[in-house]
């Protein structure tokens, strides 16, 4: 096939969100392979069985934000790390009263290693300024710290692998107010199947662990959604006015 003939195919791949090559050579998934048989000893079986997943995750042993960052850098339990350029840990002031949690980094965030620095971040900055806030007065992170290829939504398994990190992240920052941006962040941290339309604008309670303080929490639309549906900006502005009022109490 001539190189000129490949361009339409590559363009189609790009439009479908395929922007990362996982393997150098194509793989035939239909090729039959003989299963490898070997005996399992009792010791091997015991070692393969997980201990207690609620306590074995490396996030729970971190006592500082820097330790958490290093644990995430060393973590190999999420395949997104292999295709992302950078770990996107956070941005803003970790001592701020307001912590915002989004879904996952985009292309700009992946390149710079900072949360919400692309078009969504620019819109978020405008929303924050409308209620007297900026990045020196808020702290921003994501449920997923690595960009999914093609900006696709993270899978359930990817969210589950990364959830202990964001839970520990919130516990270490211990903000006065937690703002969940979008449905993935809201459903994950509030443990609900309800959509963002029903969840937004209502005060909720979030507690990272049974022994940690309860944090006042509110969900609203993700800035990326507002770029596609600008008619919903008034609702988000209304939600941030609610946050502004709570900060003054």
C-alpha atoms as a PDB file:
ATOM      1  CA  UNK A   1       0.000   0.000   0.000  1.00  0.00           C
ATOM      2  CA  UNK A   2       1.360   3.429  -0.945  1.00  0.00           C
ATOM      3  CA  UNK A   3       1.973   5.983   1.800  1.00  0.00           C
ATOM      4  CA  UNK A   4      -0.573   8.325   0.178  1.00  0.00           C
ATOM      5  CA  UNK A   5      -3.214   5.621   0.550  1.00  0.00           C
ATOM      6  CA  UNK A   6      -2.580   5.372   4.307  1.00  0.00           C
ATOM      7  CA  UNK A   7      -3.512   8.977   5.094  1.00  0.00           C
ATOM      8  CA  UNK A   8      -7.340   8.517   4.952  1.00  0.00           C
ATOM      9  CA  UNK A   9      -7.021   5.445   7.197  1.00  0.00           C
ATOM     10  CA  UNK A  10      -4.849   7.302   9.739  1.00  0.00           C
ATOM     11  CA  UNK A  11      -7.255  10.238   9.656  1.00  0.00           C
ATOM     12  CA  UNK A  12     -10.167   7.900  10.362  1.00  0.00           C
ATOM     13  CA  UNK A  13      -8.250   6.336  13.287  1.00  0.00           C
ATOM     14  CA  UNK A  14      -7.599   9.819  14.707  1.00  0.00           C
ATOM     15  CA  UNK A  15     -11.267  10.800  14.447  1.00  0.00           C
ATOM     16  CA  UNK A  16     -12.243   7.591  16.260  1.00  0.00           C
ATOM     17  CA  UNK A  17      -9.887   8.514  19.135  1.00  0.00           C
ATOM     18  CA  UNK A  18      -7.140   5.999  18.320  1.00  0.00           C
ATOM     19  CA  UNK A  19      -4.010   8.071  18.901  1.00  0.00           C
ATOM     20  CA  UNK A  20      -1.715   5.590  20.663  1.00  0.00           C
ATOM     21  CA  UNK A  21      -0.070   2.435  19.288  1.00  0.00           C
ATOM     22  CA  UNK A  22       0.188  -0.189  22.015  1.00  0.00           C
ATOM     23  CA  UNK A  23       2.216  -2.732  20.003  1.00  0.00           C
ATOM     24  CA  UNK A  24       4.727  -2.410  17.157  1.00  0.00           C
ATOM     25  CA  UNK A  25       3.239  -5.341  15.276  1.00  0.00           C
ATOM     26  CA  UNK A  26      -0.418  -6.314  14.676  1.00  0.00           C
ATOM     27  CA  UNK A  27      -1.733  -9.249  16.700  1.00  0.00           C
ATOM     28  CA  UNK A  28      -4.018 -11.999  15.390  1.00  0.00           C
ATOM     29  CA  UNK A  29      -6.569 -12.431  18.177  1.00  0.00           C
ATOM     30  CA  UNK A  30      -8.162 -15.379  16.344  1.00  0.00           C
ATOM     31  CA  UNK A  31      -4.986 -17.427  16.302  1.00  0.00           C
ATOM     32  CA  UNK A  32      -5.427 -20.514  18.454  1.00  0.00           C
ATOM     33  CA  UNK A  33      -2.819 -21.035  21.117  1.00  0.00           C
ATOM     34  CA  UNK A  34      -2.240 -24.051  23.286  1.00  0.00           C
ATOM     35  CA  UNK A  35      -2.748 -23.149  26.920  1.00  0.00           C
ATOM     36  CA  UNK A  36       0.367 -23.390  29.038  1.00  0.00           C
ATOM     37  CA  UNK A  37      -0.130 -26.042  31.683  1.00  0.00           C
ATOM     38  CA  UNK A  38       1.826 -26.107  34.902  1.00  0.00           C
ATOM     39  CA  UNK A  39       1.237 -27.315  38.393  1.00  0.00           C
ATOM     40  CA  UNK A  40       0.352 -24.806  41.077  1.00  0.00           C
ATOM     41  CA  UNK A  41       1.844 -25.384  44.483  1.00  0.00           C
ATOM     42  CA  UNK A  42       0.029 -24.400  47.634  1.00  0.00           C
ATOM     43  CA  UNK A  43       2.572 -21.591  48.135  1.00  0.00           C
ATOM     44  CA  UNK A  44       1.882 -20.161  44.665  1.00  0.00           C
ATOM     45  CA  UNK A  45      -1.879 -20.237  45.173  1.00  0.00           C
ATOM     46  CA  UNK A  46      -1.575 -18.438  48.484  1.00  0.00           C
ATOM     47  CA  UNK A  47       0.680 -15.773  46.995  1.00  0.00           C
ATOM     48  CA  UNK A  48      -1.724 -15.124  44.103  1.00  0.00           C
ATOM     49  CA  UNK A  49      -4.689 -14.551  46.388  1.00  0.00           C
ATOM     50  CA  UNK A  50      -5.127 -10.852  47.288  1.00  0.00           C
ATOM     51  CA  UNK A  51      -4.935  -9.929  50.933  1.00  0.00           C
ATOM     52  CA  UNK A  52      -7.374  -7.236  51.971  1.00  0.00           C
ATOM     53  CA  UNK A  53      -7.811  -4.856  48.983  1.00  0.00           C
ATOM     54  CA  UNK A  54      -9.204  -2.147  51.255  1.00  0.00           C
ATOM     55  CA  UNK A  55      -5.886  -1.901  53.127  1.00  0.00           C
ATOM     56  CA  UNK A  56      -3.288  -3.279  50.678  1.00  0.00           C
ATOM     57  CA  UNK A  57      -3.482  -0.393  48.205  1.00  0.00           C
ATOM     58  CA  UNK A  58      -0.333   1.787  48.401  1.00  0.00           C
ATOM     59  CA  UNK A  59      -2.396   4.966  48.822  1.00  0.00           C
ATOM     60  CA  UNK A  60      -3.368   4.132  52.392  1.00  0.00           C
ATOM     61  CA  UNK A  61       0.185   4.180  53.749  1.00  0.00           C
ATOM     62  CA  UNK A  62       0.896   7.716  52.470  1.00  0.00           C
ATOM     63  CA  UNK A  63       1.153  10.370  55.174  1.00  0.00           C
ATOM     64  CA  UNK A  64       1.915  13.401  52.982  1.00  0.00           C
ATOM     65  CA  UNK A  65       0.983  14.651  49.533  1.00  0.00           C
ATOM     66  CA  UNK A  66       4.535  14.088  48.321  1.00  0.00           C
ATOM     67  CA  UNK A  67       4.426  10.482  49.502  1.00  0.00           C
ATOM     68  CA  UNK A  68       1.132  10.095  47.668  1.00  0.00           C
ATOM     69  CA  UNK A  69       2.621  11.533  44.485  1.00  0.00           C
ATOM     70  CA  UNK A  70       5.568   9.139  44.698  1.00  0.00           C
ATOM     71  CA  UNK A  71       3.248   6.182  45.320  1.00  0.00           C
ATOM     72  CA  UNK A  72       1.270   7.107  42.209  1.00  0.00           C
ATOM     73  CA  UNK A  73       4.466   7.436  40.173  1.00  0.00           C
ATOM     74  CA  UNK A  74       5.460   3.908  41.234  1.00  0.00           C
ATOM     75  CA  UNK A  75       1.995   2.392  40.807  1.00  0.00           C
ATOM     76  CA  UNK A  76       1.609  -0.194  38.034  1.00  0.00           C
ATOM     77  CA  UNK A  77      -1.977  -1.225  38.678  1.00  0.00           C
ATOM     78  CA  UNK A  78      -3.516   0.974  35.957  1.00  0.00           C
ATOM     79  CA  UNK A  79      -2.607   0.488  32.288  1.00  0.00           C
ATOM     80  CA  UNK A  80      -3.313   4.157  31.514  1.00  0.00           C
ATOM     81  CA  UNK A  81       0.090   4.964  32.990  1.00  0.00           C
ATOM     82  CA  UNK A  82       1.719   3.198  30.026  1.00  0.00           C
ATOM     83  CA  UNK A  83       0.088   5.399  27.384  1.00  0.00           C
ATOM     84  CA  UNK A  84       0.101   8.760  29.200  1.00  0.00           C
ATOM     85  CA  UNK A  85       2.934  11.278  28.929  1.00  0.00           C
ATOM     86  CA  UNK A  86       2.734  12.518  32.511  1.00  0.00           C
ATOM     87  CA  UNK A  87       1.139  11.867  35.865  1.00  0.00           C
ATOM     88  CA  UNK A  88      -1.354  14.689  36.495  1.00  0.00           C
ATOM     89  CA  UNK A  89      -1.330  14.976  40.267  1.00  0.00           C
ATOM     90  CA  UNK A  90      -2.994  18.323  41.037  1.00  0.00           C
ATOM     91  CA  UNK A  91      -2.805  22.095  40.737  1.00  0.00           C
ATOM     92  CA  UNK A  92      -3.559  24.989  43.038  1.00  0.00           C
ATOM     93  CA  UNK A  93      -3.140  25.484  46.781  1.00  0.00           C
ATOM     94  CA  UNK A  94      -3.274  22.285  48.897  1.00  0.00           C
ATOM     95  CA  UNK A  95      -4.101  24.408  51.963  1.00  0.00           C
ATOM     96  CA  UNK A  96      -7.183  25.924  50.308  1.00  0.00           C
ATOM     97  CA  UNK A  97     -10.675  25.533  51.758  1.00  0.00           C
ATOM     98  CA  UNK A  98     -12.099  24.345  48.414  1.00  0.00           C
ATOM     99  CA  UNK A  99     -10.999  21.203  46.578  1.00  0.00           C
ATOM    100  CA  UNK A 100     -12.322  20.430  43.090  1.00  0.00           C
ATOM    101  CA  UNK A 101     -12.285  16.936  41.596  1.00  0.00           C
ATOM    102  CA  UNK A 102     -12.688  16.292  37.880  1.00  0.00           C
ATOM    103  CA  UNK A 103     -12.730  13.118  35.803  1.00  0.00           C
ATOM    104  CA  UNK A 104      -9.384  12.638  34.023  1.00  0.00           C
ATOM    105  CA  UNK A 105      -6.707  14.726  32.286  1.00  0.00           C
ATOM    106  CA  UNK A 106      -7.017  15.801  28.674  1.00  0.00           C
ATOM    107  CA  UNK A 107      -4.278  16.289  26.089  1.00  0.00           C
ATOM    108  CA  UNK A 108      -3.101  19.680  27.431  1.00  0.00           C
ATOM    109  CA  UNK A 109      -3.040  18.398  30.999  1.00  0.00           C
ATOM    110  CA  UNK A 110      -1.137  15.295  29.919  1.00  0.00           C
ATOM    111  CA  UNK A 111       1.533  17.394  28.207  1.00  0.00           C
ATOM    112  CA  UNK A 112       1.985  19.813  31.112  1.00  0.00           C
ATOM    113  CA  UNK A 113       1.355  17.450  34.019  1.00  0.00           C
ATOM    114  CA  UNK A 114      -1.120  19.891  35.618  1.00  0.00           C
ATOM    115  CA  UNK A 115      -4.856  19.627  36.211  1.00  0.00           C
ATOM    116  CA  UNK A 116      -7.314  21.712  34.183  1.00  0.00           C
ATOM    117  CA  UNK A 117      -4.956  23.782  32.027  1.00  0.00           C
ATOM    118  CA  UNK A 118      -6.700  23.304  28.650  1.00  0.00           C
ATOM    119  CA  UNK A 119      -9.924  24.870  27.385  1.00  0.00           C
ATOM    120  CA  UNK A 120     -11.906  23.310  30.233  1.00  0.00           C
ATOM    121  CA  UNK A 121      -9.453  24.761  32.718  1.00  0.00           C
ATOM    122  CA  UNK A 122      -9.685  28.225  31.200  1.00  0.00           C
ATOM    123  CA  UNK A 123     -13.459  28.104  31.522  1.00  0.00           C
ATOM    124  CA  UNK A 124     -13.142  26.843  35.098  1.00  0.00           C
ATOM    125  CA  UNK A 125     -10.860  29.796  35.900  1.00  0.00           C
ATOM    126  CA  UNK A 126     -13.550  32.200  34.649  1.00  0.00           C
ATOM    127  CA  UNK A 127     -16.175  30.506  36.817  1.00  0.00           C
ATOM    128  CA  UNK A 128     -13.888  30.699  39.846  1.00  0.00           C
ATOM    129  CA  UNK A 129     -13.155  34.394  39.255  1.00  0.00           C
ATOM    130  CA  UNK A 130     -16.886  35.141  39.136  1.00  0.00           C
ATOM    131  CA  UNK A 131     -17.124  34.203  42.836  1.00  0.00           C
ATOM    132  CA  UNK A 132     -13.810  35.699  43.934  1.00  0.00           C
ATOM    133  CA  UNK A 133     -11.705  32.526  43.693  1.00  0.00           C
ATOM    134  CA  UNK A 134      -8.594  31.562  41.752  1.00  0.00           C
ATOM    135  CA  UNK A 135      -5.947  28.829  41.821  1.00  0.00           C
ATOM    136  CA  UNK A 136      -4.319  30.292  44.908  1.00  0.00           C
ATOM    137  CA  UNK A 137      -7.601  29.747  46.768  1.00  0.00           C
ATOM    138  CA  UNK A 138      -8.628  26.307  45.464  1.00  0.00           C
ATOM    139  CA  UNK A 139      -6.977  22.913  44.944  1.00  0.00           C
ATOM    140  CA  UNK A 140      -7.750  20.826  41.858  1.00  0.00           C
ATOM    141  CA  UNK A 141      -7.290  17.136  41.046  1.00  0.00           C
ATOM    142  CA  UNK A 142      -8.980  14.271  39.161  1.00  0.00           C
ATOM    143  CA  UNK A 143     -10.389  10.817  39.818  1.00  0.00           C
ATOM    144  CA  UNK A 144      -7.940   9.435  37.223  1.00  0.00           C
ATOM    145  CA  UNK A 145      -4.383  10.875  37.194  1.00  0.00           C
ATOM    146  CA  UNK A 146      -3.462   9.616  33.694  1.00  0.00           C
ATOM    147  CA  UNK A 147      -5.051  10.605  30.393  1.00  0.00           C
ATOM    148  CA  UNK A 148      -7.166   7.868  28.745  1.00  0.00           C
ATOM    149  CA  UNK A 149      -6.157   7.475  25.055  1.00  0.00           C
ATOM    150  CA  UNK A 150      -8.227   9.683  22.774  1.00  0.00           C
ATOM    151  CA  UNK A 151      -9.839  11.329  25.837  1.00  0.00           C
ATOM    152  CA  UNK A 152     -12.224   8.385  26.085  1.00  0.00           C
ATOM    153  CA  UNK A 153     -14.160   7.935  29.365  1.00  0.00           C
ATOM    154  CA  UNK A 154     -12.281   5.888  31.973  1.00  0.00           C
ATOM    155  CA  UNK A 155     -13.448   2.314  32.446  1.00  0.00           C
ATOM    156  CA  UNK A 156     -14.927   0.947  35.655  1.00  0.00           C
ATOM    157  CA  UNK A 157     -11.716  -1.012  36.289  1.00  0.00           C
ATOM    158  CA  UNK A 158      -9.550   2.090  35.801  1.00  0.00           C
ATOM    159  CA  UNK A 159     -11.693   4.087  38.221  1.00  0.00           C
ATOM    160  CA  UNK A 160     -11.548   1.287  40.791  1.00  0.00           C
ATOM    161  CA  UNK A 161      -7.746   1.071  40.526  1.00  0.00           C
ATOM    162  CA  UNK A 162      -7.293   4.818  41.057  1.00  0.00           C
ATOM    163  CA  UNK A 163     -10.100   5.532  43.524  1.00  0.00           C
ATOM    164  CA  UNK A 164      -8.010   4.868  46.677  1.00  0.00           C
ATOM    165  CA  UNK A 165      -5.530   7.510  45.505  1.00  0.00           C
ATOM    166  CA  UNK A 166      -8.123  10.263  45.212  1.00  0.00           C
ATOM    167  CA  UNK A 167      -9.782   9.218  48.476  1.00  0.00           C
ATOM    168  CA  UNK A 168      -6.446   9.492  50.290  1.00  0.00           C
ATOM    169  CA  UNK A 169      -5.726  12.733  48.414  1.00  0.00           C
ATOM    170  CA  UNK A 170      -8.919  14.280  49.744  1.00  0.00           C
ATOM    171  CA  UNK A 171      -8.241  12.978  53.257  1.00  0.00           C
ATOM    172  CA  UNK A 172      -4.753  14.535  53.311  1.00  0.00           C
ATOM    173  CA  UNK A 173      -5.968  17.916  52.013  1.00  0.00           C
ATOM    174  CA  UNK A 174      -9.085  17.865  54.238  1.00  0.00           C
ATOM    175  CA  UNK A 175     -10.885  20.796  52.539  1.00  0.00           C
ATOM    176  CA  UNK A 176     -13.858  22.606  53.983  1.00  0.00           C
ATOM    177  CA  UNK A 177     -15.791  22.124  50.725  1.00  0.00           C
ATOM    178  CA  UNK A 178     -15.446  19.440  48.058  1.00  0.00           C
ATOM    179  CA  UNK A 179     -16.697  20.257  44.536  1.00  0.00           C
ATOM    180  CA  UNK A 180     -17.259  17.314  42.188  1.00  0.00           C
ATOM    181  CA  UNK A 181     -17.040  18.282  38.520  1.00  0.00           C
ATOM    182  CA  UNK A 182     -19.078  15.954  36.322  1.00  0.00           C
ATOM    183  CA  UNK A 183     -20.830  12.625  36.574  1.00  0.00           C
ATOM    184  CA  UNK A 184     -17.778  10.368  36.930  1.00  0.00           C
ATOM    185  CA  UNK A 185     -16.430  12.270  39.942  1.00  0.00           C
ATOM    186  CA  UNK A 186     -19.877  12.549  41.548  1.00  0.00           C
ATOM    187  CA  UNK A 187     -20.856   8.898  41.070  1.00  0.00           C
ATOM    188  CA  UNK A 188     -17.465   7.594  42.179  1.00  0.00           C
ATOM    189  CA  UNK A 189     -17.101   9.572  45.385  1.00  0.00           C
ATOM    190  CA  UNK A 190     -20.764   9.714  46.382  1.00  0.00           C
ATOM    191  CA  UNK A 191     -21.263   6.027  45.620  1.00  0.00           C
ATOM    192  CA  UNK A 192     -24.426   6.544  43.611  1.00  0.00           C
ATOM    193  CA  UNK A 193     -25.794   5.594  40.213  1.00  0.00           C
ATOM    194  CA  UNK A 194     -27.734   8.859  39.855  1.00  0.00           C
ATOM    195  CA  UNK A 195     -26.774  11.143  36.991  1.00  0.00           C
ATOM    196  CA  UNK A 196     -25.173  14.547  37.337  1.00  0.00           C
ATOM    197  CA  UNK A 197     -28.415  16.316  36.364  1.00  0.00           C
ATOM    198  CA  UNK A 198     -30.084  15.010  39.527  1.00  0.00           C
ATOM    199  CA  UNK A 199     -27.004  15.341  41.733  1.00  0.00           C
ATOM    200  CA  UNK A 200     -25.854  18.859  40.884  1.00  0.00           C
ATOM    201  CA  UNK A 201     -26.536  21.834  43.118  1.00  0.00           C
ATOM    202  CA  UNK A 202     -27.387  19.814  46.235  1.00  0.00           C
ATOM    203  CA  UNK A 203     -25.255  19.681  49.354  1.00  0.00           C
ATOM    204  CA  UNK A 204     -24.042  16.200  50.172  1.00  0.00           C
ATOM    205  CA  UNK A 205     -21.713  14.716  52.788  1.00  0.00           C
ATOM    206  CA  UNK A 206     -18.493  12.915  51.941  1.00  0.00           C
ATOM    207  CA  UNK A 207     -16.260  11.014  54.341  1.00  0.00           C
ATOM    208  CA  UNK A 208     -13.063   9.476  52.877  1.00  0.00           C
ATOM    209  CA  UNK A 209     -12.784   6.942  55.733  1.00  0.00           C
ATOM    210  CA  UNK A 210     -14.972   6.128  58.754  1.00  0.00           C
ATOM    211  CA  UNK A 211     -12.508   7.958  61.024  1.00  0.00           C
ATOM    212  CA  UNK A 212     -11.924  11.067  58.888  1.00  0.00           C
ATOM    213  CA  UNK A 213     -13.974  14.300  59.112  1.00  0.00           C
ATOM    214  CA  UNK A 214     -17.170  14.661  57.089  1.00  0.00           C
ATOM    215  CA  UNK A 215     -16.752  17.150  54.225  1.00  0.00           C
ATOM    216  CA  UNK A 216     -19.550  19.278  52.775  1.00  0.00           C
ATOM    217  CA  UNK A 217     -19.772  18.284  49.116  1.00  0.00           C
ATOM    218  CA  UNK A 218     -21.549  19.610  46.059  1.00  0.00           C
ATOM    219  CA  UNK A 219     -21.602  18.350  42.468  1.00  0.00           C
ATOM    220  CA  UNK A 220     -21.907  20.421  39.308  1.00  0.00           C
ATOM    221  CA  UNK A 221     -21.384  20.073  35.568  1.00  0.00           C
ATOM    222  CA  UNK A 222     -17.871  19.493  34.234  1.00  0.00           C
ATOM    223  CA  UNK A 223     -16.417  22.484  32.314  1.00  0.00           C
ATOM    224  CA  UNK A 224     -15.883  20.228  29.270  1.00  0.00           C
ATOM    225  CA  UNK A 225     -19.645  19.653  29.189  1.00  0.00           C
ATOM    226  CA  UNK A 226     -20.220  23.418  29.281  1.00  0.00           C
ATOM    227  CA  UNK A 227     -18.017  23.837  26.206  1.00  0.00           C
ATOM    228  CA  UNK A 228     -20.425  21.524  24.363  1.00  0.00           C
ATOM    229  CA  UNK A 229     -23.585  22.851  26.053  1.00  0.00           C
ATOM    230  CA  UNK A 230     -23.024  26.554  26.847  1.00  0.00           C
ATOM    231  CA  UNK A 231     -26.691  26.944  27.772  1.00  0.00           C
ATOM    232  CA  UNK A 232     -25.946  25.146  31.073  1.00  0.00           C
ATOM    233  CA  UNK A 233     -23.404  27.747  32.245  1.00  0.00           C
ATOM    234  CA  UNK A 234     -26.035  29.578  34.293  1.00  0.00           C
ATOM    235  CA  UNK A 235     -26.628  26.467  36.416  1.00  0.00           C
ATOM    236  CA  UNK A 236     -22.918  26.092  37.175  1.00  0.00           C
ATOM    237  CA  UNK A 237     -22.662  29.774  38.065  1.00  0.00           C
ATOM    238  CA  UNK A 238     -25.623  29.289  40.411  1.00  0.00           C
ATOM    239  CA  UNK A 239     -23.856  26.301  42.020  1.00  0.00           C
ATOM    240  CA  UNK A 240     -20.718  28.360  42.614  1.00  0.00           C
ATOM    241  CA  UNK A 241     -22.771  31.155  44.147  1.00  0.00           C
ATOM    242  CA  UNK A 242     -23.981  28.510  46.613  1.00  0.00           C
ATOM    243  CA  UNK A 243     -20.337  27.625  47.314  1.00  0.00           C
ATOM    244  CA  UNK A 244     -19.444  31.304  47.777  1.00  0.00           C
ATOM    245  CA  UNK A 245     -22.249  31.682  50.293  1.00  0.00           C
ATOM    246  CA  UNK A 246     -21.089  28.622  52.239  1.00  0.00           C
ATOM    247  CA  UNK A 247     -17.510  29.922  52.405  1.00  0.00           C
ATOM    248  CA  UNK A 248     -18.729  33.124  54.046  1.00  0.00           C
ATOM    249  CA  UNK A 249     -20.488  31.279  56.876  1.00  0.00           C
END
